[in-house]
Amino acid sequence: MHRLQDGALNPEFSMSQLQTYIKVCRTLKPQFTKESAEILRDEYKKLRQQSSNKQAGAQSSYRYTVRQLESLIRLSEAMARAHAETVIRPVYVKEVCRLLKDSNVSILKSDLEFEENQDIMNQESQARQQMEMQQVPQVNNSNDLFVSQKIPYTIISKRF
């Protein structure tokens, strides 16, 4: 908007035209062509095989299930609707699959620093324990402990 200030002030379409376009697009029920359905099937198979064939050093943080297949279908339909099409083109399916692949993150074990983090956490825990030990009052006998905690003497004598 800042770069094209004049264009932002004089948009190509009016607000009512955009609203009408969106309303029309929402009513569309796009259908897969045979080619699009085959591409979707093949891409989904590849995604599943790649996620199951990961190397030992890399783990996928994402599993491809039927739920992801349903998402691919809905996203393909949404792209067709956004383009006001009644058929889902292969280009839309490929783009949706690319988006899903790019959104997946692989984690390499070398990226994680468990040992260093664990050492730091252990040091912090030991420091806290030492601080707590220093704050606890040193008591010579059990009666002094009860007195320091302000427990009435009658309770102490009944229990001991």
N, C-alpha and C. Protein backbone atom coordinates (compact mmCIF):
# COMPACT_ATOMS: atom_id res chain seq x y z
N MET A 1 0.82 -1.18 0.00
CA MET A 1 0.00 0.00 0.00
C MET A 1 0.86 1.25 0.00
N HIS A 2 1.94 1.26 0.77
CA HIS A 2 2.77 2.45 0.84
C HIS A 2 3.52 2.68 -0.46
N ARG A 3 3.90 1.59 -1.10
CA ARG A 3 4.67 1.71 -2.32
C ARG A 3 3.80 2.21 -3.47
N LEU A 4 2.59 1.72 -3.53
CA LEU A 4 1.67 2.09 -4.62
C LEU A 4 0.52 2.91 -4.05
N GLN A 5 0.80 4.07 -3.56
CA GLN A 5 -0.21 4.86 -2.86
C GLN A 5 -1.37 5.24 -3.78
N ASP A 6 -1.07 5.63 -4.99
CA ASP A 6 -2.16 6.01 -5.90
C ASP A 6 -3.04 4.81 -6.25
N GLY A 7 -2.42 3.65 -6.43
CA GLY A 7 -3.17 2.44 -6.74
C GLY A 7 -4.06 2.02 -5.58
N ALA A 8 -3.60 2.25 -4.36
CA ALA A 8 -4.40 1.89 -3.19
C ALA A 8 -5.59 2.83 -3.04
N LEU A 9 -5.44 4.05 -3.46
CA LEU A 9 -6.53 5.01 -3.35
C LEU A 9 -7.57 4.81 -4.46
N ASN A 10 -7.14 4.28 -5.58
CA ASN A 10 -8.05 4.03 -6.71
C ASN A 10 -7.99 2.55 -7.09
N PRO A 11 -8.60 1.66 -6.31
CA PRO A 11 -8.51 0.23 -6.62
C PRO A 11 -9.22 -0.11 -7.92
N GLU A 12 -8.78 -1.20 -8.52
CA GLU A 12 -9.33 -1.65 -9.80
C GLU A 12 -10.79 -2.08 -9.66
N PHE A 13 -11.13 -2.67 -8.49
CA PHE A 13 -12.49 -3.15 -8.24
C PHE A 13 -13.08 -2.42 -7.04
N SER A 14 -14.36 -2.19 -7.09
CA SER A 14 -15.03 -1.55 -5.95
C SER A 14 -15.29 -2.59 -4.87
N MET A 15 -15.61 -2.12 -3.69
CA MET A 15 -15.89 -3.02 -2.58
C MET A 15 -17.09 -3.92 -2.89
N SER A 16 -18.10 -3.38 -3.48
CA SER A 16 -19.29 -4.17 -3.81
C SER A 16 -18.97 -5.22 -4.87
N GLN A 17 -18.09 -4.91 -5.81
CA GLN A 17 -17.70 -5.89 -6.82
C GLN A 17 -16.94 -7.07 -6.17
N LEU A 18 -16.04 -6.75 -5.24
CA LEU A 18 -15.30 -7.80 -4.54
C LEU A 18 -16.23 -8.66 -3.70
N GLN A 19 -17.18 -8.04 -3.03
CA GLN A 19 -18.13 -8.80 -2.21
C GLN A 19 -18.98 -9.72 -3.07
N THR A 20 -19.40 -9.25 -4.22
CA THR A 20 -20.17 -10.07 -5.15
C THR A 20 -19.34 -11.24 -5.65
N TYR A 21 -18.08 -10.97 -6.00
CA TYR A 21 -17.18 -12.03 -6.48
C TYR A 21 -17.03 -13.11 -5.41
N ILE A 22 -16.82 -12.71 -4.17
CA ILE A 22 -16.65 -13.67 -3.07
C ILE A 22 -17.92 -14.48 -2.86
N LYS A 23 -19.08 -13.82 -2.92
CA LYS A 23 -20.35 -14.54 -2.76
C LYS A 23 -20.54 -15.58 -3.85
N VAL A 24 -20.21 -15.22 -5.08
CA VAL A 24 -20.35 -16.15 -6.20
C VAL A 24 -19.38 -17.32 -6.03
N CYS A 25 -18.15 -17.02 -5.66
CA CYS A 25 -17.14 -18.08 -5.49
C CYS A 25 -17.53 -19.06 -4.39
N ARG A 26 -18.17 -18.58 -3.34
CA ARG A 26 -18.59 -19.46 -2.25
C ARG A 26 -19.65 -20.46 -2.69
N THR A 27 -20.43 -20.11 -3.69
CA THR A 27 -21.49 -21.00 -4.15
C THR A 27 -20.98 -22.10 -5.07
N LEU A 28 -19.77 -21.95 -5.59
CA LEU A 28 -19.22 -22.94 -6.52
C LEU A 28 -18.85 -24.23 -5.79
N LYS A 29 -19.08 -25.35 -6.47
CA LYS A 29 -18.71 -26.67 -5.96
C LYS A 29 -17.78 -27.33 -6.99
N PRO A 30 -16.49 -26.96 -6.95
CA PRO A 30 -15.58 -27.49 -7.98
C PRO A 30 -15.38 -28.99 -7.85
N GLN A 31 -15.18 -29.64 -8.99
CA GLN A 31 -14.99 -31.09 -9.05
C GLN A 31 -13.60 -31.40 -9.61
N PHE A 32 -13.04 -32.52 -9.16
CA PHE A 32 -11.73 -32.94 -9.65
C PHE A 32 -11.86 -33.47 -11.07
N THR A 33 -10.90 -33.10 -11.91
CA THR A 33 -10.79 -33.75 -13.21
C THR A 33 -10.06 -35.07 -12.96
N LYS A 34 -10.10 -35.95 -13.93
CA LYS A 34 -9.42 -37.23 -13.78
C LYS A 34 -7.93 -37.02 -13.57
N GLU A 35 -7.36 -36.11 -14.34
CA GLU A 35 -5.93 -35.83 -14.24
C GLU A 35 -5.57 -35.26 -12.86
N SER A 36 -6.39 -34.36 -12.35
CA SER A 36 -6.14 -33.76 -11.03
C SER A 36 -6.23 -34.80 -9.92
N ALA A 37 -7.20 -35.68 -10.02
CA ALA A 37 -7.37 -36.73 -9.01
C ALA A 37 -6.16 -37.67 -9.02
N GLU A 38 -5.66 -38.00 -10.21
CA GLU A 38 -4.49 -38.87 -10.29
C GLU A 38 -3.25 -38.19 -9.71
N ILE A 39 -3.10 -36.92 -9.98
CA ILE A 39 -1.96 -36.18 -9.43
C ILE A 39 -2.05 -36.14 -7.91
N LEU A 40 -3.24 -35.89 -7.39
CA LEU A 40 -3.43 -35.86 -5.94
C LEU A 40 -3.09 -37.21 -5.32
N ARG A 41 -3.58 -38.27 -5.94
CA ARG A 41 -3.30 -39.63 -5.44
C ARG A 41 -1.80 -39.91 -5.44
N ASP A 42 -1.13 -39.58 -6.54
CA ASP A 42 0.31 -39.84 -6.65
C ASP A 42 1.11 -39.01 -5.66
N GLU A 43 0.76 -37.76 -5.53
CA GLU A 43 1.47 -36.88 -4.59
C GLU A 43 1.29 -37.35 -3.15
N TYR A 44 0.08 -37.76 -2.81
CA TYR A 44 -0.18 -38.24 -1.45
C TYR A 44 0.62 -39.52 -1.18
N LYS A 45 0.67 -40.41 -2.17
CA LYS A 45 1.46 -41.63 -2.01
C LYS A 45 2.94 -41.29 -1.78
N LYS A 46 3.45 -40.33 -2.56
CA LYS A 46 4.85 -39.93 -2.40
C LYS A 46 5.11 -39.36 -1.02
N LEU A 47 4.21 -38.51 -0.55
CA LEU A 47 4.37 -37.91 0.77
C LEU A 47 4.41 -38.97 1.86
N ARG A 48 3.52 -39.95 1.76
CA ARG A 48 3.48 -41.03 2.77
C ARG A 48 4.74 -41.87 2.72
N GLN A 49 5.19 -42.19 1.51
CA GLN A 49 6.40 -43.00 1.38
C GLN A 49 7.63 -42.25 1.89
N GLN A 50 7.72 -40.96 1.58
CA GLN A 50 8.86 -40.18 2.04
C GLN A 50 8.89 -40.07 3.55
N SER A 51 7.73 -39.90 4.17
CA SER A 51 7.71 -39.77 5.63
C SER A 51 8.03 -41.09 6.32
N SER A 52 7.70 -42.23 5.68
CA SER A 52 8.01 -43.52 6.29
C SER A 52 9.43 -43.97 5.98
N ASN A 53 10.04 -43.42 4.93
CA ASN A 53 11.39 -43.81 4.54
C ASN A 53 12.45 -42.82 5.01
N LYS A 54 12.15 -42.03 6.02
CA LYS A 54 13.13 -41.04 6.51
C LYS A 54 14.37 -41.75 7.01
N GLN A 55 15.49 -41.06 6.87
CA GLN A 55 16.74 -41.62 7.37
C GLN A 55 16.71 -41.64 8.88
N ALA A 56 17.60 -42.43 9.47
CA ALA A 56 17.66 -42.54 10.93
C ALA A 56 18.03 -41.21 11.56
N GLY A 57 18.82 -40.38 10.89
CA GLY A 57 19.26 -39.10 11.45
C GLY A 57 18.21 -38.03 11.44
N ALA A 58 17.22 -38.15 10.59
CA ALA A 58 16.19 -37.11 10.49
C ALA A 58 14.84 -37.70 10.82
N GLN A 59 14.10 -36.99 11.61
CA GLN A 59 12.74 -37.41 11.93
C GLN A 59 11.79 -36.35 11.46
N SER A 60 10.68 -36.78 10.89
CA SER A 60 9.67 -35.84 10.47
C SER A 60 8.82 -35.46 11.67
N SER A 61 8.54 -34.19 11.80
CA SER A 61 7.68 -33.76 12.89
C SER A 61 6.22 -33.83 12.46
N TYR A 62 5.98 -34.44 11.34
CA TYR A 62 4.65 -34.43 10.75
C TYR A 62 4.40 -35.77 10.09
N ARG A 63 3.25 -36.38 10.37
CA ARG A 63 2.88 -37.63 9.72
C ARG A 63 1.75 -37.36 8.75
N TYR A 64 1.81 -38.00 7.60
CA TYR A 64 0.78 -37.83 6.59
C TYR A 64 -0.27 -38.92 6.78
N THR A 65 -1.46 -38.48 7.12
CA THR A 65 -2.56 -39.39 7.37
C THR A 65 -3.72 -39.05 6.44
N VAL A 66 -4.82 -39.75 6.60
CA VAL A 66 -6.01 -39.48 5.80
C VAL A 66 -6.49 -38.05 6.05
N ARG A 67 -6.26 -37.58 7.25
CA ARG A 67 -6.66 -36.21 7.57
C ARG A 67 -5.95 -35.19 6.66
N GLN A 68 -4.66 -35.45 6.37
CA GLN A 68 -3.92 -34.56 5.48
C GLN A 68 -4.43 -34.69 4.04
N LEU A 69 -4.83 -35.88 3.68
CA LEU A 69 -5.41 -36.06 2.34
C LEU A 69 -6.69 -35.24 2.21
N GLU A 70 -7.51 -35.28 3.24
CA GLU A 70 -8.74 -34.48 3.23
C GLU A 70 -8.42 -32.99 3.17
N SER A 71 -7.37 -32.58 3.85
CA SER A 71 -6.95 -31.18 3.80
C SER A 71 -6.51 -30.80 2.40
N LEU A 72 -5.77 -31.69 1.75
CA LEU A 72 -5.34 -31.43 0.37
C LEU A 72 -6.54 -31.26 -0.55
N ILE A 73 -7.56 -32.08 -0.34
CA ILE A 73 -8.78 -31.99 -1.16
C ILE A 73 -9.47 -30.65 -0.92
N ARG A 74 -9.65 -30.28 0.35
CA ARG A 74 -10.33 -29.02 0.67
C ARG A 74 -9.55 -27.81 0.15
N LEU A 75 -8.23 -27.85 0.29
CA LEU A 75 -7.42 -26.73 -0.20
C LEU A 75 -7.46 -26.63 -1.72
N SER A 76 -7.47 -27.76 -2.40
CA SER A 76 -7.59 -27.75 -3.86
C SER A 76 -8.92 -27.15 -4.29
N GLU A 77 -9.98 -27.53 -3.58
CA GLU A 77 -11.30 -26.96 -3.87
C GLU A 77 -11.30 -25.45 -3.61
N ALA A 78 -10.66 -25.04 -2.54
CA ALA A 78 -10.63 -23.62 -2.20
C ALA A 78 -9.86 -22.81 -3.25
N MET A 79 -8.78 -23.38 -3.76
CA MET A 79 -8.03 -22.67 -4.82
C MET A 79 -8.88 -22.52 -6.08
N ALA A 80 -9.62 -23.57 -6.42
CA ALA A 80 -10.49 -23.50 -7.60
C ALA A 80 -11.57 -22.44 -7.39
N ARG A 81 -12.14 -22.41 -6.17
CA ARG A 81 -13.16 -21.40 -5.87
C ARG A 81 -12.59 -19.99 -5.97
N ALA A 82 -11.39 -19.80 -5.44
CA ALA A 82 -10.77 -18.46 -5.47
C ALA A 82 -10.54 -17.99 -6.90
N HIS A 83 -10.35 -18.95 -7.81
CA HIS A 83 -10.18 -18.60 -9.22
C HIS A 83 -11.50 -18.67 -9.99
N ALA A 84 -12.61 -18.85 -9.27
CA ALA A 84 -13.95 -18.93 -9.85
C ALA A 84 -14.05 -20.01 -10.92
N GLU A 85 -13.50 -21.18 -10.60
CA GLU A 85 -13.51 -22.32 -11.52
C GLU A 85 -14.44 -23.41 -10.99
N THR A 86 -15.06 -24.13 -11.90
CA THR A 86 -15.92 -25.24 -11.49
C THR A 86 -15.19 -26.58 -11.51
N VAL A 87 -13.95 -26.57 -12.04
CA VAL A 87 -13.13 -27.78 -12.03
C VAL A 87 -11.82 -27.47 -11.31
N ILE A 88 -11.27 -28.51 -10.69
CA ILE A 88 -9.99 -28.37 -10.00
C ILE A 88 -8.89 -28.75 -10.97
N ARG A 89 -8.09 -27.78 -11.31
CA ARG A 89 -7.03 -28.01 -12.29
C ARG A 89 -5.81 -28.67 -11.64
N PRO A 90 -5.02 -29.38 -12.43
CA PRO A 90 -3.80 -30.01 -11.89
C PRO A 90 -2.84 -28.99 -11.26
N VAL A 91 -2.82 -27.79 -11.78
CA VAL A 91 -1.95 -26.74 -11.24
C VAL A 91 -2.32 -26.44 -9.78
N TYR A 92 -3.60 -26.44 -9.48
CA TYR A 92 -4.04 -26.17 -8.11
C TYR A 92 -3.61 -27.29 -7.16
N VAL A 93 -3.74 -28.52 -7.63
CA VAL A 93 -3.36 -29.67 -6.81
C VAL A 93 -1.85 -29.64 -6.54
N LYS A 94 -1.07 -29.36 -7.55
CA LYS A 94 0.39 -29.30 -7.39
C LYS A 94 0.79 -28.20 -6.41
N GLU A 95 0.14 -27.06 -6.51
CA GLU A 95 0.45 -25.94 -5.61
C GLU A 95 0.10 -26.28 -4.17
N VAL A 96 -1.03 -26.91 -3.96
CA VAL A 96 -1.45 -27.29 -2.61
C VAL A 96 -0.48 -28.31 -2.02
N CYS A 97 -0.06 -29.27 -2.82
CA CYS A 97 0.91 -30.27 -2.34
C CYS A 97 2.26 -29.61 -2.02
N ARG A 98 2.66 -28.67 -2.83
CA ARG A 98 3.90 -27.95 -2.56
C ARG A 98 3.82 -27.19 -1.25
N LEU A 99 2.69 -26.55 -1.01
CA LEU A 99 2.50 -25.81 0.24
C LEU A 99 2.57 -26.74 1.45
N LEU A 100 1.96 -27.90 1.34
CA LEU A 100 1.99 -28.86 2.44
C LEU A 100 3.41 -29.35 2.70
N LYS A 101 4.14 -29.65 1.63
CA LYS A 101 5.52 -30.11 1.78
C LYS A 101 6.39 -29.02 2.43
N ASP A 102 6.22 -27.79 1.97
CA ASP A 102 7.04 -26.70 2.50
C ASP A 102 6.70 -26.37 3.95
N SER A 103 5.50 -26.67 4.36
CA SER A 103 5.12 -26.37 5.74
C SER A 103 5.63 -27.44 6.71
N ASN A 104 6.07 -28.57 6.18
CA ASN A 104 6.60 -29.66 7.00
C ASN A 104 8.04 -29.33 7.38
N VAL A 105 8.38 -29.59 8.65
CA VAL A 105 9.72 -29.29 9.15
C VAL A 105 10.39 -30.59 9.54
N SER A 106 11.62 -30.78 9.09
CA SER A 106 12.39 -31.95 9.50
C SER A 106 13.32 -31.54 10.63
N ILE A 107 13.45 -32.43 11.58
CA ILE A 107 14.30 -32.16 12.73
C ILE A 107 15.48 -33.13 12.67
N LEU A 108 16.67 -32.59 12.68
CA LEU A 108 17.86 -33.43 12.73
C LEU A 108 18.31 -33.53 14.18
N LYS A 109 18.76 -34.71 14.57
CA LYS A 109 19.20 -34.88 15.95
C LYS A 109 20.35 -33.95 16.29
N SER A 110 21.17 -33.62 15.32
CA SER A 110 22.30 -32.73 15.60
C SER A 110 21.83 -31.30 15.89
N ASP A 111 20.61 -30.97 15.46
CA ASP A 111 20.07 -29.64 15.73
C ASP A 111 19.69 -29.46 17.19
N LEU A 112 19.46 -30.57 17.88
CA LEU A 112 19.02 -30.51 19.26
C LEU A 112 20.21 -30.56 20.19
N GLU A 113 20.15 -29.81 21.26
CA GLU A 113 21.25 -29.73 22.20
C GLU A 113 20.77 -30.16 23.58
N PHE A 114 20.38 -31.42 23.70
CA PHE A 114 19.83 -31.92 24.95
C PHE A 114 20.88 -31.91 26.06
N GLU A 115 22.07 -32.40 25.76
CA GLU A 115 23.08 -32.54 26.80
C GLU A 115 23.45 -31.19 27.40
N GLU A 116 23.68 -30.20 26.55
CA GLU A 116 24.03 -28.87 27.06
C GLU A 116 22.90 -28.29 27.90
N ASN A 117 21.69 -28.41 27.40
CA ASN A 117 20.54 -27.90 28.15
C ASN A 117 20.36 -28.64 29.47
N GLN A 118 20.57 -29.95 29.45
CA GLN A 118 20.41 -30.73 30.67
C GLN A 118 21.46 -30.33 31.71
N ASP A 119 22.70 -30.09 31.28
CA ASP A 119 23.75 -29.65 32.20
C ASP A 119 23.38 -28.32 32.85
N ILE A 120 22.88 -27.40 32.06
CA ILE A 120 22.48 -26.09 32.59
C ILE A 120 21.34 -26.25 33.59
N MET A 121 20.36 -27.08 33.24
CA MET A 121 19.23 -27.30 34.14
C MET A 121 19.67 -27.94 35.45
N ASN A 122 20.62 -28.90 35.39
CA ASN A 122 21.13 -29.54 36.60
C ASN A 122 21.86 -28.54 37.49
N GLN A 123 22.65 -27.67 36.88
CA GLN A 123 23.38 -26.66 37.65
C GLN A 123 22.41 -25.70 38.34
N GLU A 124 21.38 -25.29 37.62
CA GLU A 124 20.38 -24.38 38.21
C GLU A 124 19.65 -25.06 39.37
N SER A 125 19.34 -26.34 39.21
CA SER A 125 18.64 -27.08 40.26
C SER A 125 19.52 -27.20 41.50
N GLN A 126 20.80 -27.50 41.31
CA GLN A 126 21.72 -27.60 42.45
C GLN A 126 21.86 -26.26 43.15
N ALA A 127 21.93 -25.18 42.39
CA ALA A 127 22.05 -23.85 42.99
C ALA A 127 20.81 -23.52 43.82
N ARG A 128 19.62 -23.88 43.32
CA ARG A 128 18.39 -23.65 44.08
C ARG A 128 18.38 -24.44 45.38
N GLN A 129 18.81 -25.69 45.30
CA GLN A 129 18.85 -26.54 46.50
C GLN A 129 19.81 -25.97 47.53
N GLN A 130 20.94 -25.47 47.08
CA GLN A 130 21.90 -24.88 48.02
C GLN A 130 21.33 -23.63 48.66
N MET A 131 20.62 -22.83 47.89
CA MET A 131 19.99 -21.61 48.43
C MET A 131 18.95 -21.99 49.49
N GLU A 132 18.16 -23.03 49.22
CA GLU A 132 17.14 -23.46 50.17
C GLU A 132 17.79 -23.98 51.45
N MET A 133 18.89 -24.70 51.30
CA MET A 133 19.60 -25.24 52.47
C MET A 133 20.12 -24.11 53.35
N GLN A 134 20.56 -23.04 52.73
CA GLN A 134 21.10 -21.91 53.48
C GLN A 134 20.00 -21.15 54.20
N GLN A 135 18.79 -21.18 53.68
CA GLN A 135 17.69 -20.44 54.28
C GLN A 135 17.02 -21.20 55.41
N VAL A 136 17.17 -22.53 55.49
CA VAL A 136 16.55 -23.32 56.55
C VAL A 136 17.33 -23.08 57.84
N PRO A 137 16.66 -22.74 58.94
CA PRO A 137 17.37 -22.49 60.19
C PRO A 137 17.97 -23.77 60.74
N GLN A 138 19.19 -23.66 61.26
CA GLN A 138 19.86 -24.80 61.88
C GLN A 138 19.30 -24.98 63.28
N VAL A 139 18.87 -26.20 63.62
CA VAL A 139 18.21 -26.47 64.88
C VAL A 139 19.01 -27.54 65.63
N ASN A 140 19.17 -27.36 66.93
CA ASN A 140 19.94 -28.32 67.73
C ASN A 140 19.11 -29.52 68.14
N ASN A 141 17.87 -29.33 68.55
CA ASN A 141 17.04 -30.46 68.92
C ASN A 141 15.63 -30.29 68.37
N SER A 142 14.79 -31.31 68.51
CA SER A 142 13.47 -31.30 67.90
C SER A 142 12.57 -30.24 68.52
N ASN A 143 12.69 -29.96 69.82
CA ASN A 143 11.84 -28.95 70.45
C ASN A 143 12.13 -27.56 69.89
N ASP A 144 13.40 -27.25 69.63
CA ASP A 144 13.75 -25.96 69.05
C ASP A 144 13.11 -25.79 67.67
N LEU A 145 13.05 -26.88 66.91
CA LEU A 145 12.44 -26.84 65.58
C LEU A 145 10.97 -26.47 65.70
N PHE A 146 10.24 -27.08 66.64
CA PHE A 146 8.82 -26.78 66.80
C PHE A 146 8.61 -25.35 67.29
N VAL A 147 9.46 -24.89 68.15
CA VAL A 147 9.35 -23.52 68.66
C VAL A 147 9.60 -22.53 67.53
N SER A 148 10.59 -22.81 66.69
CA SER A 148 10.89 -21.90 65.59
C SER A 148 9.74 -21.84 64.59
N GLN A 149 8.95 -22.89 64.48
CA GLN A 149 7.80 -22.89 63.58
C GLN A 149 6.53 -22.45 64.29
N LYS A 150 6.65 -22.03 65.56
CA LYS A 150 5.54 -21.48 66.35
C LYS A 150 4.42 -22.47 66.55
N ILE A 151 4.79 -23.72 66.86
CA ILE A 151 3.80 -24.75 67.17
C ILE A 151 3.64 -24.76 68.69
N PRO A 152 2.42 -24.72 69.20
CA PRO A 152 2.21 -24.69 70.64
C PRO A 152 2.85 -25.89 71.34
N TYR A 153 3.35 -25.65 72.54
CA TYR A 153 4.06 -26.67 73.31
C TYR A 153 3.14 -27.83 73.68
N THR A 154 1.87 -27.59 73.88
CA THR A 154 0.93 -28.65 74.25
C THR A 154 0.83 -29.71 73.14
N ILE A 155 0.87 -29.28 71.91
CA ILE A 155 0.82 -30.23 70.78
C ILE A 155 2.10 -31.03 70.75
N ILE A 156 3.22 -30.39 71.01
CA ILE A 156 4.51 -31.08 70.97
C ILE A 156 4.55 -32.16 72.04
N SER A 157 4.16 -31.82 73.26
CA SER A 157 4.26 -32.76 74.37
C SER A 157 3.33 -33.96 74.19
N LYS A 158 2.17 -33.78 73.55
CA LYS A 158 1.23 -34.89 73.35
C LYS A 158 1.76 -35.89 72.32
N ARG A 159 2.47 -35.41 71.34
CA ARG A 159 2.96 -36.29 70.27
C ARG A 159 4.26 -36.98 70.64
N PHE A 160 5.07 -36.36 71.45
CA PHE A 160 6.39 -36.93 71.75
C PHE A 160 6.43 -37.33 73.16
